[in-house]
């Protein structure tokens, strides 16, 4: 797991985002235990509270379940529903990007070129 201190994204959010992606992509399977809160905090050299906040966020979104005294476990996922939710998020983000591009005076082709460049950069991460 990679945490970027200078990304501007809170650390708990980075953890939750990476674990969510691992669950959705099937790298973490239903019933699989997440790393312990203390273990992950130690590995990442962060606060236990930060790790707990990430896990609680995933639990509130239905990705994981806490088992008292045992840890957090991945829930079975309805991949079609998750995909639809993520498509809606993408559409909303792109709508916001289109509005911001308009404020910046960007033309359609420039906006599309920017999106293509960002996709290429993300693939090299």
C-alpha atoms as a PDB file:
ATOM      1  CA  UNK A   1       0.000   0.000   0.000  1.00  0.00           C
ATOM      2  CA  UNK A   2       1.314   3.419  -0.937  1.00  0.00           C
ATOM      3  CA  UNK A   3       0.557   6.521   1.078  1.00  0.00           C
ATOM      4  CA  UNK A   4       1.508   9.933  -0.273  1.00  0.00           C
ATOM      5  CA  UNK A   5       1.927  12.452   2.525  1.00  0.00           C
ATOM      6  CA  UNK A   6       1.918  15.417   0.137  1.00  0.00           C
ATOM      7  CA  UNK A   7      -1.028  14.412  -2.067  1.00  0.00           C
ATOM      8  CA  UNK A   8      -3.564  16.638  -0.331  1.00  0.00           C
ATOM      9  CA  UNK A   9      -5.822  13.601   0.157  1.00  0.00           C
ATOM     10  CA  UNK A  10      -6.230  12.596   3.815  1.00  0.00           C
ATOM     11  CA  UNK A  11      -4.300   9.442   4.696  1.00  0.00           C
ATOM     12  CA  UNK A  12      -7.404   7.597   5.912  1.00  0.00           C
ATOM     13  CA  UNK A  13      -9.034   8.332   2.538  1.00  0.00           C
ATOM     14  CA  UNK A  14      -6.004   7.013   0.645  1.00  0.00           C
ATOM     15  CA  UNK A  15      -6.161   3.783   2.659  1.00  0.00           C
ATOM     16  CA  UNK A  16      -9.914   3.407   2.151  1.00  0.00           C
ATOM     17  CA  UNK A  17      -9.604   4.143  -1.576  1.00  0.00           C
ATOM     18  CA  UNK A  18      -6.858   1.553  -2.086  1.00  0.00           C
ATOM     19  CA  UNK A  19      -8.666  -1.137  -0.095  1.00  0.00           C
ATOM     20  CA  UNK A  20     -11.958  -0.362  -1.871  1.00  0.00           C
ATOM     21  CA  UNK A  21     -10.216  -0.741  -5.230  1.00  0.00           C
ATOM     22  CA  UNK A  22      -8.665  -4.048  -4.120  1.00  0.00           C
ATOM     23  CA  UNK A  23     -12.117  -5.306  -3.102  1.00  0.00           C
ATOM     24  CA  UNK A  24     -13.868  -4.159  -6.277  1.00  0.00           C
ATOM     25  CA  UNK A  25     -11.085  -5.548  -8.489  1.00  0.00           C
ATOM     26  CA  UNK A  26     -11.231  -8.891  -6.673  1.00  0.00           C
ATOM     27  CA  UNK A  27      -7.725  -8.716  -5.212  1.00  0.00           C
ATOM     28  CA  UNK A  28      -9.394  -8.992  -1.798  1.00  0.00           C
ATOM     29  CA  UNK A  29     -12.069 -11.716  -1.766  1.00  0.00           C
ATOM     30  CA  UNK A  30     -15.279 -12.084   0.226  1.00  0.00           C
ATOM     31  CA  UNK A  31     -14.499 -13.401   3.697  1.00  0.00           C
ATOM     32  CA  UNK A  32     -10.860 -12.357   3.555  1.00  0.00           C
ATOM     33  CA  UNK A  33      -9.525 -10.601   6.631  1.00  0.00           C
ATOM     34  CA  UNK A  34      -8.064  -7.114   6.256  1.00  0.00           C
ATOM     35  CA  UNK A  35      -4.699  -6.432   7.889  1.00  0.00           C
ATOM     36  CA  UNK A  36      -5.109  -5.670  11.593  1.00  0.00           C
ATOM     37  CA  UNK A  37      -5.605  -2.015  12.426  1.00  0.00           C
ATOM     38  CA  UNK A  38      -2.493  -1.948  14.592  1.00  0.00           C
ATOM     39  CA  UNK A  39      -0.446  -3.913  12.075  1.00  0.00           C
ATOM     40  CA  UNK A  40      -1.360  -1.655   9.162  1.00  0.00           C
ATOM     41  CA  UNK A  41      -0.761   1.466  11.251  1.00  0.00           C
ATOM     42  CA  UNK A  42       2.680   0.167  12.223  1.00  0.00           C
ATOM     43  CA  UNK A  43       3.522  -0.824   8.639  1.00  0.00           C
ATOM     44  CA  UNK A  44       2.514   2.592   7.285  1.00  0.00           C
ATOM     45  CA  UNK A  45       3.936   4.470  10.291  1.00  0.00           C
ATOM     46  CA  UNK A  46       0.641   6.219  10.942  1.00  0.00           C
ATOM     47  CA  UNK A  47      -1.827   6.527  13.787  1.00  0.00           C
ATOM     48  CA  UNK A  48      -4.102   3.641  14.736  1.00  0.00           C
ATOM     49  CA  UNK A  49      -6.934   6.197  14.728  1.00  0.00           C
ATOM     50  CA  UNK A  50      -6.242   7.008  11.063  1.00  0.00           C
ATOM     51  CA  UNK A  51      -6.373   3.332  10.103  1.00  0.00           C
ATOM     52  CA  UNK A  52      -9.542   2.834  12.140  1.00  0.00           C
ATOM     53  CA  UNK A  53     -11.191   5.770  10.358  1.00  0.00           C
ATOM     54  CA  UNK A  54     -10.438   4.175   6.959  1.00  0.00           C
ATOM     55  CA  UNK A  55     -11.852   0.818   8.058  1.00  0.00           C
ATOM     56  CA  UNK A  56     -14.961   2.447   9.525  1.00  0.00           C
ATOM     57  CA  UNK A  57     -15.534   4.280   6.249  1.00  0.00           C
ATOM     58  CA  UNK A  58     -15.356   0.985   4.331  1.00  0.00           C
ATOM     59  CA  UNK A  59     -17.730  -0.562   6.849  1.00  0.00           C
ATOM     60  CA  UNK A  60     -20.250   2.282   6.465  1.00  0.00           C
ATOM     61  CA  UNK A  61     -20.089   1.810   2.677  1.00  0.00           C
ATOM     62  CA  UNK A  62     -20.785  -1.924   3.064  1.00  0.00           C
ATOM     63  CA  UNK A  63     -17.436  -3.202   1.798  1.00  0.00           C
ATOM     64  CA  UNK A  64     -16.330  -4.773   5.079  1.00  0.00           C
ATOM     65  CA  UNK A  65     -17.774  -6.043   8.359  1.00  0.00           C
ATOM     66  CA  UNK A  66     -16.198  -5.770  11.786  1.00  0.00           C
ATOM     67  CA  UNK A  67     -16.180  -8.930  13.870  1.00  0.00           C
ATOM     68  CA  UNK A  68     -15.796  -8.146  17.567  1.00  0.00           C
ATOM     69  CA  UNK A  69     -12.354  -9.190  18.746  1.00  0.00           C
ATOM     70  CA  UNK A  70     -11.386 -10.643  15.361  1.00  0.00           C
ATOM     71  CA  UNK A  71     -10.967  -7.778  12.915  1.00  0.00           C
ATOM     72  CA  UNK A  72     -12.488  -6.595   9.650  1.00  0.00           C
ATOM     73  CA  UNK A  73     -13.572  -8.950   6.881  1.00  0.00           C
ATOM     74  CA  UNK A  74     -14.461  -8.293   3.237  1.00  0.00           C
ATOM     75  CA  UNK A  75     -18.168  -8.578   2.428  1.00  0.00           C
ATOM     76  CA  UNK A  76     -19.490 -10.304  -0.688  1.00  0.00           C
ATOM     77  CA  UNK A  77     -19.987  -7.639  -3.323  1.00  0.00           C
ATOM     78  CA  UNK A  78     -22.732  -7.003  -5.851  1.00  0.00           C
ATOM     79  CA  UNK A  79     -20.335  -6.027  -8.633  1.00  0.00           C
ATOM     80  CA  UNK A  80     -23.078  -4.717 -10.943  1.00  0.00           C
ATOM     81  CA  UNK A  81     -24.386  -2.380  -8.248  1.00  0.00           C
ATOM     82  CA  UNK A  82     -20.874  -1.222  -7.343  1.00  0.00           C
ATOM     83  CA  UNK A  83     -20.079  -0.562 -10.988  1.00  0.00           C
ATOM     84  CA  UNK A  84     -23.283   1.468 -11.409  1.00  0.00           C
ATOM     85  CA  UNK A  85     -22.484   3.537  -8.301  1.00  0.00           C
ATOM     86  CA  UNK A  86     -18.988   4.218  -9.607  1.00  0.00           C
ATOM     87  CA  UNK A  87     -20.284   5.138 -13.074  1.00  0.00           C
ATOM     88  CA  UNK A  88     -22.538   7.721 -11.392  1.00  0.00           C
ATOM     89  CA  UNK A  89     -19.537   9.120  -9.490  1.00  0.00           C
ATOM     90  CA  UNK A  90     -17.545   9.354 -12.732  1.00  0.00           C
ATOM     91  CA  UNK A  91     -20.413  11.140 -14.466  1.00  0.00           C
ATOM     92  CA  UNK A  92     -20.713  13.637 -11.612  1.00  0.00           C
ATOM     93  CA  UNK A  93     -16.952  14.261 -11.551  1.00  0.00           C
ATOM     94  CA  UNK A  94     -16.865  14.741 -15.313  1.00  0.00           C
ATOM     95  CA  UNK A  95     -19.820  17.127 -15.148  1.00  0.00           C
ATOM     96  CA  UNK A  96     -17.889  19.169 -12.567  1.00  0.00           C
ATOM     97  CA  UNK A  97     -14.782  19.023 -14.782  1.00  0.00           C
ATOM     98  CA  UNK A  98     -16.783  20.276 -17.771  1.00  0.00           C
ATOM     99  CA  UNK A  99     -18.104  23.186 -15.700  1.00  0.00           C
ATOM    100  CA  UNK A 100     -14.594  24.044 -14.441  1.00  0.00           C
ATOM    101  CA  UNK A 101     -13.230  23.782 -17.985  1.00  0.00           C
ATOM    102  CA  UNK A 102     -15.853  26.258 -19.113  1.00  0.00           C
ATOM    103  CA  UNK A 103     -14.781  28.687 -16.393  1.00  0.00           C
ATOM    104  CA  UNK A 104     -11.174  28.239 -17.532  1.00  0.00           C
ATOM    105  CA  UNK A 105     -12.110  28.897 -21.159  1.00  0.00           C
ATOM    106  CA  UNK A 106     -11.026  25.429 -22.307  1.00  0.00           C
ATOM    107  CA  UNK A 107     -12.385  24.142 -25.581  1.00  0.00           C
ATOM    108  CA  UNK A 108     -13.820  20.626 -25.881  1.00  0.00           C
ATOM    109  CA  UNK A 109     -10.751  19.189 -27.605  1.00  0.00           C
ATOM    110  CA  UNK A 110      -8.412  20.643 -24.987  1.00  0.00           C
ATOM    111  CA  UNK A 111     -10.517  19.088 -22.230  1.00  0.00           C
ATOM    112  CA  UNK A 112     -10.509  15.704 -23.982  1.00  0.00           C
ATOM    113  CA  UNK A 113      -6.723  15.919 -24.498  1.00  0.00           C
ATOM    114  CA  UNK A 114      -6.297  16.700 -20.790  1.00  0.00           C
ATOM    115  CA  UNK A 115      -8.403  13.672 -19.867  1.00  0.00           C
ATOM    116  CA  UNK A 116      -6.363  11.435 -22.170  1.00  0.00           C
ATOM    117  CA  UNK A 117      -3.120  12.713 -20.647  1.00  0.00           C
ATOM    118  CA  UNK A 118      -4.398  12.059 -17.114  1.00  0.00           C
ATOM    119  CA  UNK A 119      -5.431   8.527 -18.087  1.00  0.00           C
ATOM    120  CA  UNK A 120      -1.945   7.843 -19.461  1.00  0.00           C
ATOM    121  CA  UNK A 121      -0.336   9.232 -16.306  1.00  0.00           C
ATOM    122  CA  UNK A 122      -2.571   7.089 -14.092  1.00  0.00           C
ATOM    123  CA  UNK A 123      -1.563   3.964 -16.035  1.00  0.00           C
ATOM    124  CA  UNK A 124       2.095   4.617 -15.198  1.00  0.00           C
ATOM    125  CA  UNK A 125       1.408   4.910 -11.432  1.00  0.00           C
END
